PDB file of all heavy atoms in Angstrom:
ATOM      1  N   ASP A   1    -159.943 -81.389  27.262  1.00  0.00           N
ATOM      2  CA  ASP A   1    -159.945 -80.983  28.668  1.00  0.00           C
ATOM      3  C   ASP A   1    -160.858 -81.881  29.505  1.00  0.00           C
ATOM      4  O   ASP A   1    -160.499 -82.297  30.614  1.00  0.00           O
ATOM      5  CB  ASP A   1    -160.391 -79.530  28.800  1.00  0.00           C
ATOM      6  CG  ASP A   1    -159.328 -78.548  28.359  1.00  0.00           C
ATOM      7  OD1 ASP A   1    -158.160 -78.965  28.240  1.00  0.00           O
ATOM      8  OD2 ASP A   1    -159.664 -77.361  28.118  1.00  0.00           O
ATOM      9  N   ARG A   2    -162.030 -82.190  28.976  1.00  0.00           N
ATOM     10  CA  ARG A   2    -162.972 -83.005  29.729  1.00  0.00           C
ATOM     11  C   ARG A   2    -162.577 -84.475  29.751  1.00  0.00           C
ATOM     12  O   ARG A   2    -162.750 -85.161  30.766  1.00  0.00           O
ATOM     13  CB  ARG A   2    -164.393 -82.804  29.175  1.00  0.00           C
ATOM     14  CG  ARG A   2    -165.051 -81.560  29.789  1.00  0.00           C
ATOM     15  CD  ARG A   2    -166.202 -81.028  28.986  1.00  0.00           C
ATOM     16  NE  ARG A   2    -167.001 -80.072  29.744  1.00  0.00           N
ATOM     17  CZ  ARG A   2    -166.595 -78.906  30.202  1.00  0.00           C
ATOM     18  NH1 ARG A   2    -165.350 -78.522  30.017  1.00  0.00           N
ATOM     19  NH2 ARG A   2    -167.416 -78.099  30.874  1.00  0.00           N
ATOM     20  N   VAL A   3    -162.028 -84.966  28.657  1.00  0.00           N
ATOM     21  CA  VAL A   3    -161.539 -86.347  28.647  1.00  0.00           C
ATOM     22  C   VAL A   3    -160.414 -86.510  29.661  1.00  0.00           C
ATOM     23  O   VAL A   3    -160.361 -87.486  30.419  1.00  0.00           O
ATOM     24  CB  VAL A   3    -161.048 -86.746  27.236  1.00  0.00           C
ATOM     25  CG1 VAL A   3    -160.300 -88.076  27.284  1.00  0.00           C
ATOM     26  CG2 VAL A   3    -162.230 -86.840  26.276  1.00  0.00           C
ATOM     27  N   ARG A   4    -159.510 -85.541  29.690  1.00  0.00           N
ATOM     28  CA  ARG A   4    -158.380 -85.595  30.633  1.00  0.00           C
ATOM     29  C   ARG A   4    -158.885 -85.723  32.070  1.00  0.00           C
ATOM     30  O   ARG A   4    -158.332 -86.503  32.864  1.00  0.00           O
ATOM     31  CB  ARG A   4    -157.520 -84.343  30.477  1.00  0.00           C
ATOM     32  CG  ARG A   4    -156.245 -84.367  31.311  1.00  0.00           C
ATOM     33  CD  ARG A   4    -155.490 -83.057  31.189  1.00  0.00           C
ATOM     34  NE  ARG A   4    -155.095 -82.767  29.824  1.00  0.00           N
ATOM     35  CZ  ARG A   4    -155.545 -81.731  29.117  1.00  0.00           C
ATOM     36  NH1 ARG A   4    -156.414 -80.891  29.660  1.00  0.00           N
ATOM     37  NH2 ARG A   4    -155.124 -81.541  27.881  1.00  0.00           N
ATOM     38  N   ARG A   5    -159.936 -85.011  32.402  1.00  0.00           N
ATOM     39  CA  ARG A   5    -160.477 -85.078  33.765  1.00  0.00           C
ATOM     40  C   ARG A   5    -161.060 -86.441  34.059  1.00  0.00           C
ATOM     41  O   ARG A   5    -160.852 -86.998  35.155  1.00  0.00           O
ATOM     42  CB  ARG A   5    -161.542 -83.975  33.950  1.00  0.00           C
ATOM     43  CG  ARG A   5    -162.217 -84.001  35.306  1.00  0.00           C
ATOM     44  CD  ARG A   5    -161.224 -83.864  36.445  1.00  0.00           C
ATOM     45  NE  ARG A   5    -161.818 -84.189  37.733  1.00  0.00           N
ATOM     46  CZ  ARG A   5    -161.199 -84.864  38.688  1.00  0.00           C
ATOM     47  NH1 ARG A   5    -159.945 -85.291  38.526  1.00  0.00           N
ATOM     48  NH2 ARG A   5    -161.807 -85.105  39.830  1.00  0.00           N
ATOM     49  N   LEU A   6    -161.779 -87.039  33.119  1.00  0.00           N
ATOM     50  CA  LEU A   6    -162.350 -88.369  33.343  1.00  0.00           C
ATOM     51  C   LEU A   6    -161.256 -89.419  33.481  1.00  0.00           C
ATOM     52  O   LEU A   6    -161.371 -90.345  34.297  1.00  0.00           O
ATOM     53  CB  LEU A   6    -163.299 -88.729  32.198  1.00  0.00           C
ATOM     54  CG  LEU A   6    -164.529 -87.826  32.036  1.00  0.00           C
ATOM     55  CD1 LEU A   6    -165.419 -88.342  30.918  1.00  0.00           C
ATOM     56  CD2 LEU A   6    -165.317 -87.716  33.338  1.00  0.00           C
ATOM     57  N   VAL A   7    -160.199 -89.276  32.706  1.00  0.00           N
ATOM     58  CA  VAL A   7    -159.072 -90.209  32.818  1.00  0.00           C
ATOM     59  C   VAL A   7    -158.404 -90.070  34.178  1.00  0.00           C
ATOM     60  O   VAL A   7    -158.021 -91.068  34.810  1.00  0.00           O
ATOM     61  CB  VAL A   7    -158.063 -89.974  31.677  1.00  0.00           C
ATOM     62  CG1 VAL A   7    -156.794 -90.803  31.899  1.00  0.00           C
ATOM     63  CG2 VAL A   7    -158.684 -90.332  30.324  1.00  0.00           C
ATOM     64  N   GLU A   8    -158.281 -88.843  34.653  1.00  0.00           N
ATOM     65  CA  GLU A   8    -157.700 -88.622  35.983  1.00  0.00           C
ATOM     66  C   GLU A   8    -158.514 -89.332  37.061  1.00  0.00           C
ATOM     67  O   GLU A   8    -157.950 -89.920  37.995  1.00  0.00           O
ATOM     68  CB  GLU A   8    -157.626 -87.125  36.282  1.00  0.00           C
ATOM     69  CG  GLU A   8    -156.565 -86.379  35.497  1.00  0.00           C
ATOM     70  CD  GLU A   8    -156.648 -84.874  35.721  1.00  0.00           C
ATOM     71  OE1 GLU A   8    -157.629 -84.432  36.373  1.00  0.00           O
ATOM     72  OE2 GLU A   8    -155.763 -84.159  35.234  1.00  0.00           O
ATOM     73  N   ILE A   9    -159.833 -89.268  36.945  1.00  0.00           N
ATOM     74  CA  ILE A   9    -160.687 -89.947  37.925  1.00  0.00           C
ATOM     75  C   ILE A   9    -160.423 -91.448  37.902  1.00  0.00           C
ATOM     76  O   ILE A   9    -160.318 -92.095  38.961  1.00  0.00           O
ATOM     77  CB  ILE A   9    -162.173 -89.649  37.631  1.00  0.00           C
ATOM     78  CG1 ILE A   9    -162.476 -88.167  37.888  1.00  0.00           C
ATOM     79  CG2 ILE A   9    -163.087 -90.527  38.483  1.00  0.00           C
ATOM     80  CD1 ILE A   9    -163.857 -87.735  37.460  1.00  0.00           C
ATOM     81  N   CYS A  10    -160.305 -92.024  36.708  1.00  0.00           N
ATOM     82  CA  CYS A  10    -160.008 -93.457  36.597  1.00  0.00           C
ATOM     83  C   CYS A  10    -158.661 -93.790  37.225  1.00  0.00           C
ATOM     84  O   CYS A  10    -158.538 -94.759  37.989  1.00  0.00           O
ATOM     85  CB  CYS A  10    -160.025 -93.886  35.126  1.00  0.00           C
ATOM     86  SG  CYS A  10    -161.641 -93.804  34.338  1.00  0.00           S
ATOM     87  N   HIS A  11    -157.659 -93.004  36.895  1.00  0.00           N
ATOM     88  CA  HIS A  11    -156.315 -93.275  37.415  1.00  0.00           C
ATOM     89  C   HIS A  11    -156.257 -93.104  38.935  1.00  0.00           C
ATOM     90  O   HIS A  11    -155.567 -93.875  39.627  1.00  0.00           O
ATOM     91  CB  HIS A  11    -155.302 -92.354  36.737  1.00  0.00           C
ATOM     92  CG  HIS A  11    -155.031 -92.713  35.310  1.00  0.00           C
ATOM     93  ND1 HIS A  11    -154.275 -91.932  34.468  1.00  0.00           N
ATOM     94  CD2 HIS A  11    -155.430 -93.778  34.573  1.00  0.00           C
ATOM     95  CE1 HIS A  11    -154.202 -92.506  33.281  1.00  0.00           C
ATOM     96  NE2 HIS A  11    -154.897 -93.620  33.325  1.00  0.00           N
ATOM     97  N   ASP A  12    -156.968 -92.121  39.454  1.00  0.00           N
ATOM     98  CA  ASP A  12    -156.992 -91.920  40.903  1.00  0.00           C
ATOM     99  C   ASP A  12    -157.609 -93.115  41.619  1.00  0.00           C
ATOM    100  O   ASP A  12    -157.294 -93.372  42.793  1.00  0.00           O
ATOM    101  CB  ASP A  12    -157.781 -90.656  41.254  1.00  0.00           C
ATOM    102  CG  ASP A  12    -157.039 -89.380  40.865  1.00  0.00           C
ATOM    103  OD1 ASP A  12    -155.827 -89.459  40.601  1.00  0.00           O
ATOM    104  OD2 ASP A  12    -157.693 -88.310  40.823  1.00  0.00           O
ATOM    105  N   LYS A  13    -158.473 -93.837  40.921  1.00  0.00           N
ATOM    106  CA  LYS A  13    -159.116 -95.029  41.491  1.00  0.00           C
ATOM    107  C   LYS A  13    -158.356 -96.312  41.131  1.00  0.00           C
ATOM    108  O   LYS A  13    -158.842 -97.416  41.380  1.00  0.00           O
ATOM    109  CB  LYS A  13    -160.551 -95.146  40.978  1.00  0.00           C
ATOM    110  CG  LYS A  13    -161.443 -93.949  41.307  1.00  0.00           C
ATOM    111  CD  LYS A  13    -161.891 -93.937  42.750  1.00  0.00           C
ATOM    112  CE  LYS A  13    -162.884 -92.814  43.005  1.00  0.00           C
ATOM    113  NZ  LYS A  13    -163.367 -92.796  44.404  1.00  0.00           N
ATOM    114  N   GLY A  14    -157.173 -96.147  40.527  1.00  0.00           N
ATOM    115  CA  GLY A  14    -156.348 -97.310  40.208  1.00  0.00           C
ATOM    116  C   GLY A  14    -156.808 -98.096  38.996  1.00  0.00           C
ATOM    117  O   GLY A  14    -156.498 -99.295  38.879  1.00  0.00           O
ATOM    118  N   ARG A  15    -157.504 -97.451  38.054  1.00  0.00           N
ATOM    119  CA  ARG A  15    -157.998 -98.140  36.857  1.00  0.00           C
ATOM    120  C   ARG A  15    -157.347 -97.563  35.603  1.00  0.00           C
ATOM    121  O   ARG A  15    -156.900 -96.417  35.588  1.00  0.00           O
ATOM    122  CB  ARG A  15    -159.516 -98.003  36.724  1.00  0.00           C
ATOM    123  CG  ARG A  15    -160.273 -98.120  38.026  1.00  0.00           C
ATOM    124  CD  ARG A  15    -160.126 -99.488  38.673  1.00  0.00           C
ATOM    125  NE  ARG A  15    -160.732 -99.479  39.993  1.00  0.00           N
ATOM    126  CZ  ARG A  15    -162.034 -99.598  40.232  1.00  0.00           C
ATOM    127  NH1 ARG A  15    -162.877 -99.737  39.227  1.00  0.00           N
ATOM    128  NH2 ARG A  15    -162.506 -99.579  41.471  1.00  0.00           N
ATOM    129  N   GLU A  16    -157.345 -98.371  34.563  1.00  0.00           N
ATOM    130  CA  GLU A  16    -156.933 -97.879  33.254  1.00  0.00           C
ATOM    131  C   GLU A  16    -158.135 -97.274  32.535  1.00  0.00           C
ATOM    132  O   GLU A  16    -159.283 -97.601  32.839  1.00  0.00           O
ATOM    133  CB  GLU A  16    -156.355 -99.020  32.407  1.00  0.00           C
ATOM    134  CG  GLU A  16    -155.035 -99.572  32.902  1.00  0.00           C
ATOM    135  CD  GLU A  16    -154.490-100.636  31.969  1.00  0.00           C
ATOM    136  OE1 GLU A  16    -154.910-100.687  30.788  1.00  0.00           O
ATOM    137  OE2 GLU A  16    -153.657-101.446  32.415  1.00  0.00           O
ATOM    138  N   ALA A  17    -157.847 -96.403  31.580  1.00  0.00           N
ATOM    139  CA  ALA A  17    -158.903 -95.769  30.780  1.00  0.00           C
ATOM    140  C   ALA A  17    -158.652 -96.068  29.313  1.00  0.00           C
ATOM    141  O   ALA A  17    -157.568 -95.779  28.783  1.00  0.00           O
ATOM    142  CB  ALA A  17    -158.931 -94.267  31.019  1.00  0.00           C
ATOM    143  N   MET A  18    -159.645 -96.652  28.671  1.00  0.00           N
ATOM    144  CA  MET A  18    -159.556 -97.023  27.262  1.00  0.00           C
ATOM    145  C   MET A  18    -160.647 -96.304  26.479  1.00  0.00           C
ATOM    146  O   MET A  18    -161.778 -96.182  26.938  1.00  0.00           O
ATOM    147  CB  MET A  18    -159.716 -98.546  27.107  1.00  0.00           C
ATOM    148  CG  MET A  18    -159.906 -99.029  25.680  1.00  0.00           C
ATOM    149  SD  MET A  18    -160.175-100.824  25.583  1.00  0.00           S
ATOM    150  CE  MET A  18    -158.484-101.394  25.689  1.00  0.00           C
ATOM    151  N   MET A  19    -160.308 -95.849  25.298  1.00  0.00           N
ATOM    152  CA  MET A  19    -161.276 -95.175  24.435  1.00  0.00           C
ATOM    153  C   MET A  19    -161.639 -96.075  23.266  1.00  0.00           C
ATOM    154  O   MET A  19    -160.776 -96.673  22.629  1.00  0.00           O
ATOM    155  CB  MET A  19    -160.668 -93.873  23.901  1.00  0.00           C
ATOM    156  CG  MET A  19    -161.414 -93.265  22.720  1.00  0.00           C
ATOM    157  SD  MET A  19    -160.580 -91.808  22.086  1.00  0.00           S
ATOM    158  CE  MET A  19    -161.068 -91.870  20.364  1.00  0.00           C
ATOM    159  N   PHE A  20    -162.947 -96.176  23.011  1.00  0.00           N
ATOM    160  CA  PHE A  20    -163.413 -96.867  21.803  1.00  0.00           C
ATOM    161  C   PHE A  20    -163.409 -95.875  20.648  1.00  0.00           C
ATOM    162  O   PHE A  20    -164.010 -94.803  20.733  1.00  0.00           O
ATOM    163  CB  PHE A  20    -164.820 -97.431  22.017  1.00  0.00           C
ATOM    164  CG  PHE A  20    -165.426 -98.012  20.771  1.00  0.00           C
ATOM    165  CD1 PHE A  20    -164.797 -99.052  20.099  1.00  0.00           C
ATOM    166  CD2 PHE A  20    -166.614 -97.524  20.271  1.00  0.00           C
ATOM    167  CE1 PHE A  20    -165.351 -99.585  18.947  1.00  0.00           C
ATOM    168  CE2 PHE A  20    -167.176 -98.052  19.116  1.00  0.00           C
ATOM    169  CZ  PHE A  20    -166.548 -99.094  18.449  1.00  0.00           C
ATOM    170  N   LEU A  21    -162.720 -96.200  19.579  1.00  0.00           N
ATOM    171  CA  LEU A  21    -162.642 -95.328  18.406  1.00  0.00           C
ATOM    172  C   LEU A  21    -163.917 -95.506  17.577  1.00  0.00           C
ATOM    173  O   LEU A  21    -163.957 -96.250  16.604  1.00  0.00           O
ATOM    174  CB  LEU A  21    -161.406 -95.657  17.572  1.00  0.00           C
ATOM    175  CG  LEU A  21    -161.065 -94.653  16.464  1.00  0.00           C
ATOM    176  CD1 LEU A  21    -160.651 -93.322  17.056  1.00  0.00           C
ATOM    177  CD2 LEU A  21    -159.962 -95.193  15.566  1.00  0.00           C
ATOM    178  N   GLY A  22    -164.969 -94.828  18.005  1.00  0.00           N
ATOM    179  CA  GLY A  22    -166.263 -94.926  17.349  1.00  0.00           C
ATOM    180  C   GLY A  22    -167.307 -94.224  18.189  1.00  0.00           C
ATOM    181  O   GLY A  22    -167.001 -93.588  19.201  1.00  0.00           O
ATOM    182  N   ASP A  23    -168.576 -94.339  17.794  1.00  0.00           N
ATOM    183  CA  ASP A  23    -169.698 -93.734  18.519  1.00  0.00           C
ATOM    184  C   ASP A  23    -169.439 -92.231  18.749  1.00  0.00           C
ATOM    185  O   ASP A  23    -169.403 -91.460  17.810  1.00  0.00           O
ATOM    186  CB  ASP A  23    -169.953 -94.454  19.845  1.00  0.00           C
ATOM    187  CG  ASP A  23    -170.429 -95.889  19.661  1.00  0.00           C
ATOM    188  OD1 ASP A  23    -170.391 -96.372  18.516  1.00  0.00           O
ATOM    189  OD2 ASP A  23    -170.829 -96.517  20.636  1.00  0.00           O
ATOM    190  N   ASN A  24    -169.221 -91.837  19.981  1.00  0.00           N
ATOM    191  CA  ASN A  24    -169.078 -90.417  20.339  1.00  0.00           C
ATOM    192  C   ASN A  24    -167.613 -90.006  20.402  1.00  0.00           C
ATOM    193  O   ASN A  24    -167.173 -89.373  21.364  1.00  0.00           O
ATOM    194  CB  ASN A  24    -169.758 -90.149  21.686  1.00  0.00           C
ATOM    195  CG  ASN A  24    -171.236 -90.451  21.658  1.00  0.00           C
ATOM    196  OD1 ASN A  24    -171.637 -91.590  21.434  1.00  0.00           O
ATOM    197  ND2 ASN A  24    -172.060 -89.453  21.876  1.00  0.00           N
ATOM    198  N   TRP A  25    -166.862 -90.310  19.363  1.00  0.00           N
ATOM    199  CA  TRP A  25    -165.423 -90.045  19.392  1.00  0.00           C
ATOM    200  C   TRP A  25    -165.058 -88.659  18.860  1.00  0.00           C
ATOM    201  O   TRP A  25    -163.902 -88.232  18.963  1.00  0.00           O
ATOM    202  CB  TRP A  25    -164.688 -91.110  18.586  1.00  0.00           C
ATOM    203  CG  TRP A  25    -164.767 -90.941  17.087  1.00  0.00           C
ATOM    204  CD1 TRP A  25    -165.874 -91.101  16.299  1.00  0.00           C
ATOM    205  CD2 TRP A  25    -163.698 -90.590  16.210  1.00  0.00           C
ATOM    206  NE1 TRP A  25    -165.564 -90.874  14.984  1.00  0.00           N
ATOM    207  CE2 TRP A  25    -164.230 -90.564  14.893  1.00  0.00           C
ATOM    208  CE3 TRP A  25    -162.346 -90.311  16.391  1.00  0.00           C
ATOM    209  CZ2 TRP A  25    -163.465 -90.256  13.777  1.00  0.00           C
ATOM    210  CZ3 TRP A  25    -161.587 -90.010  15.271  1.00  0.00           C
ATOM    211  CH2 TRP A  25    -162.139 -89.989  13.985  1.00  0.00           C
ATOM    212  N   ILE A  26    -166.037 -87.918  18.325  1.00  0.00           N
ATOM    213  CA  ILE A  26    -165.738 -86.630  17.704  1.00  0.00           C
ATOM    214  C   ILE A  26    -165.157 -85.660  18.744  1.00  0.00           C
ATOM    215  O   ILE A  26    -165.662 -85.528  19.853  1.00  0.00           O
ATOM    216  CB  ILE A  26    -167.006 -86.053  17.059  1.00  0.00           C
ATOM    217  CG1 ILE A  26    -167.409 -86.909  15.869  1.00  0.00           C
ATOM    218  CG2 ILE A  26    -166.806 -84.607  16.634  1.00  0.00           C
ATOM    219  CD1 ILE A  26    -166.349 -87.062  14.790  1.00  0.00           C
ATOM    220  N   GLY A  27    -164.104 -84.979  18.331  1.00  0.00           N
ATOM    221  CA  GLY A  27    -163.420 -84.026  19.204  1.00  0.00           C
ATOM    222  C   GLY A  27    -162.171 -84.584  19.847  1.00  0.00           C
ATOM    223  O   GLY A  27    -161.360 -83.821  20.373  1.00  0.00           O
ATOM    224  N   THR A  28    -162.001 -85.912  19.814  1.00  0.00           N
ATOM    225  CA  THR A  28    -160.797 -86.481  20.433  1.00  0.00           C
ATOM    226  C   THR A  28    -159.577 -86.346  19.534  1.00  0.00           C
ATOM    227  O   THR A  28    -158.462 -86.193  20.024  1.00  0.00           O
ATOM    228  CB  THR A  28    -161.006 -87.959  20.778  1.00  0.00           C
ATOM    229  OG1 THR A  28    -161.309 -88.699  19.587  1.00  0.00           O
ATOM    230  CG2 THR A  28    -162.124 -88.135  21.789  1.00  0.00           C
ATOM    231  N   GLU A  29    -159.759 -86.424  18.229  1.00  0.00           N
ATOM    232  CA  GLU A  29    -158.673 -86.276  17.249  1.00  0.00           C
ATOM    233  C   GLU A  29    -157.423 -87.076  17.661  1.00  0.00           C
ATOM    234  O   GLU A  29    -156.398 -86.498  18.054  1.00  0.00           O
ATOM    235  CB  GLU A  29    -158.327 -84.792  17.054  1.00  0.00           C
ATOM    236  CG  GLU A  29    -159.461 -83.987  16.444  1.00  0.00           C
ATOM    237  CD  GLU A  29    -159.856 -84.478  15.052  1.00  0.00           C
ATOM    238  OE1 GLU A  29    -158.966 -84.918  14.286  1.00  0.00           O
ATOM    239  OE2 GLU A  29    -161.061 -84.428  14.742  1.00  0.00           O
ATOM    240  N   PRO A  30    -157.475 -88.407  17.557  1.00  0.00           N
ATOM    241  CA  PRO A  30    -156.375 -89.247  18.047  1.00  0.00           C
ATOM    242  C   PRO A  30    -155.011 -88.964  17.418  1.00  0.00           C
ATOM    243  O   PRO A  30    -153.982 -89.295  18.009  1.00  0.00           O
ATOM    244  CB  PRO A  30    -156.848 -90.658  17.709  1.00  0.00           C
ATOM    245  CG  PRO A  30    -158.330 -90.563  17.664  1.00  0.00           C
ATOM    246  CD  PRO A  30    -158.614 -89.212  17.103  1.00  0.00           C
ATOM    247  N   TYR A  31    -154.999 -88.376  16.216  1.00  0.00           N
ATOM    248  CA  TYR A  31    -153.716 -88.053  15.593  1.00  0.00           C
ATOM    249  C   TYR A  31    -153.356 -86.576  15.771  1.00  0.00           C
ATOM    250  O   TYR A  31    -152.404 -86.086  15.158  1.00  0.00           O
ATOM    251  CB  TYR A  31    -153.737 -88.430  14.107  1.00  0.00           C
ATOM    252  CG  TYR A  31    -153.588 -89.916  13.894  1.00  0.00           C
ATOM    253  CD1 TYR A  31    -154.697 -90.753  13.879  1.00  0.00           C
ATOM    254  CD2 TYR A  31    -152.331 -90.493  13.746  1.00  0.00           C
ATOM    255  CE1 TYR A  31    -154.566 -92.118  13.700  1.00  0.00           C
ATOM    256  CE2 TYR A  31    -152.185 -91.857  13.575  1.00  0.00           C
ATOM    257  CZ  TYR A  31    -153.306 -92.671  13.552  1.00  0.00           C
ATOM    258  OH  TYR A  31    -153.170 -94.026  13.395  1.00  0.00           O
ATOM    259  N   GLY A  32    -154.111 -85.884  16.603  1.00  0.00           N
ATOM    260  CA  GLY A  32    -153.817 -84.487  16.869  1.00  0.00           C
ATOM    261  C   GLY A  32    -152.778 -84.308  17.956  1.00  0.00           C
ATOM    262  O   GLY A  32    -152.406 -85.254  18.664  1.00  0.00           O
ATOM    263  N   GLU A  33    -152.319 -83.082  18.115  1.00  0.00           N
ATOM    264  CA  GLU A  33    -151.251 -82.788  19.064  1.00  0.00           C
ATOM    265  C   GLU A  33    -151.686 -82.960  20.514  1.00  0.00           C
ATOM    266  O   GLU A  33    -150.853 -83.199  21.389  1.00  0.00           O
ATOM    267  CB  GLU A  33    -150.750 -81.356  18.848  1.00  0.00           C
ATOM    268  CG  GLU A  33    -150.077 -81.134  17.497  1.00  0.00           C
ATOM    269  CD  GLU A  33    -149.611 -79.701  17.322  1.00  0.00           C
ATOM    270  OE1 GLU A  33    -149.864 -78.892  18.242  1.00  0.00           O
ATOM    271  OE2 GLU A  33    -149.004 -79.390  16.284  1.00  0.00           O
ATOM    272  N   LEU A  34    -152.985 -82.843  20.797  1.00  0.00           N
ATOM    273  CA  LEU A  34    -153.450 -82.851  22.181  1.00  0.00           C
ATOM    274  C   LEU A  34    -153.801 -84.234  22.710  1.00  0.00           C
ATOM    275  O   LEU A  34    -153.979 -84.400  23.922  1.00  0.00           O
ATOM    276  CB  LEU A  34    -154.680 -81.941  22.321  1.00  0.00           C
ATOM    277  CG  LEU A  34    -154.486 -80.466  21.992  1.00  0.00           C
ATOM    278  CD1 LEU A  34    -155.803 -79.715  22.140  1.00  0.00           C
ATOM    279  CD2 LEU A  34    -153.424 -79.857  22.900  1.00  0.00           C
ATOM    280  N   PHE A  35    -153.923 -85.221  21.832  1.00  0.00           N
ATOM    281  CA  PHE A  35    -154.473 -86.498  22.262  1.00  0.00           C
ATOM    282  C   PHE A  35    -153.654 -87.136  23.384  1.00  0.00           C
ATOM    283  O   PHE A  35    -154.215 -87.656  24.359  1.00  0.00           O
ATOM    284  CB  PHE A  35    -154.572 -87.463  21.074  1.00  0.00           C
ATOM    285  CG  PHE A  35    -155.273 -88.751  21.409  1.00  0.00           C
ATOM    286  CD1 PHE A  35    -156.637 -88.772  21.650  1.00  0.00           C
ATOM    287  CD2 PHE A  35    -154.569 -89.941  21.495  1.00  0.00           C
ATOM    288  CE1 PHE A  35    -157.297 -89.955  21.967  1.00  0.00           C
ATOM    289  CE2 PHE A  35    -155.212 -91.126  21.805  1.00  0.00           C
ATOM    290  CZ  PHE A  35    -156.581 -91.131  22.044  1.00  0.00           C
TER     291      PHE A  35
END
């Protein structure tokens, strides 16, 4: 839910959003249904 909001802010400003698979990645679950 919180990642989605940050991505929306980036997109609203005309930017892409990229995630680094490391560091504070816990909870994103890239192979999960919600990613």
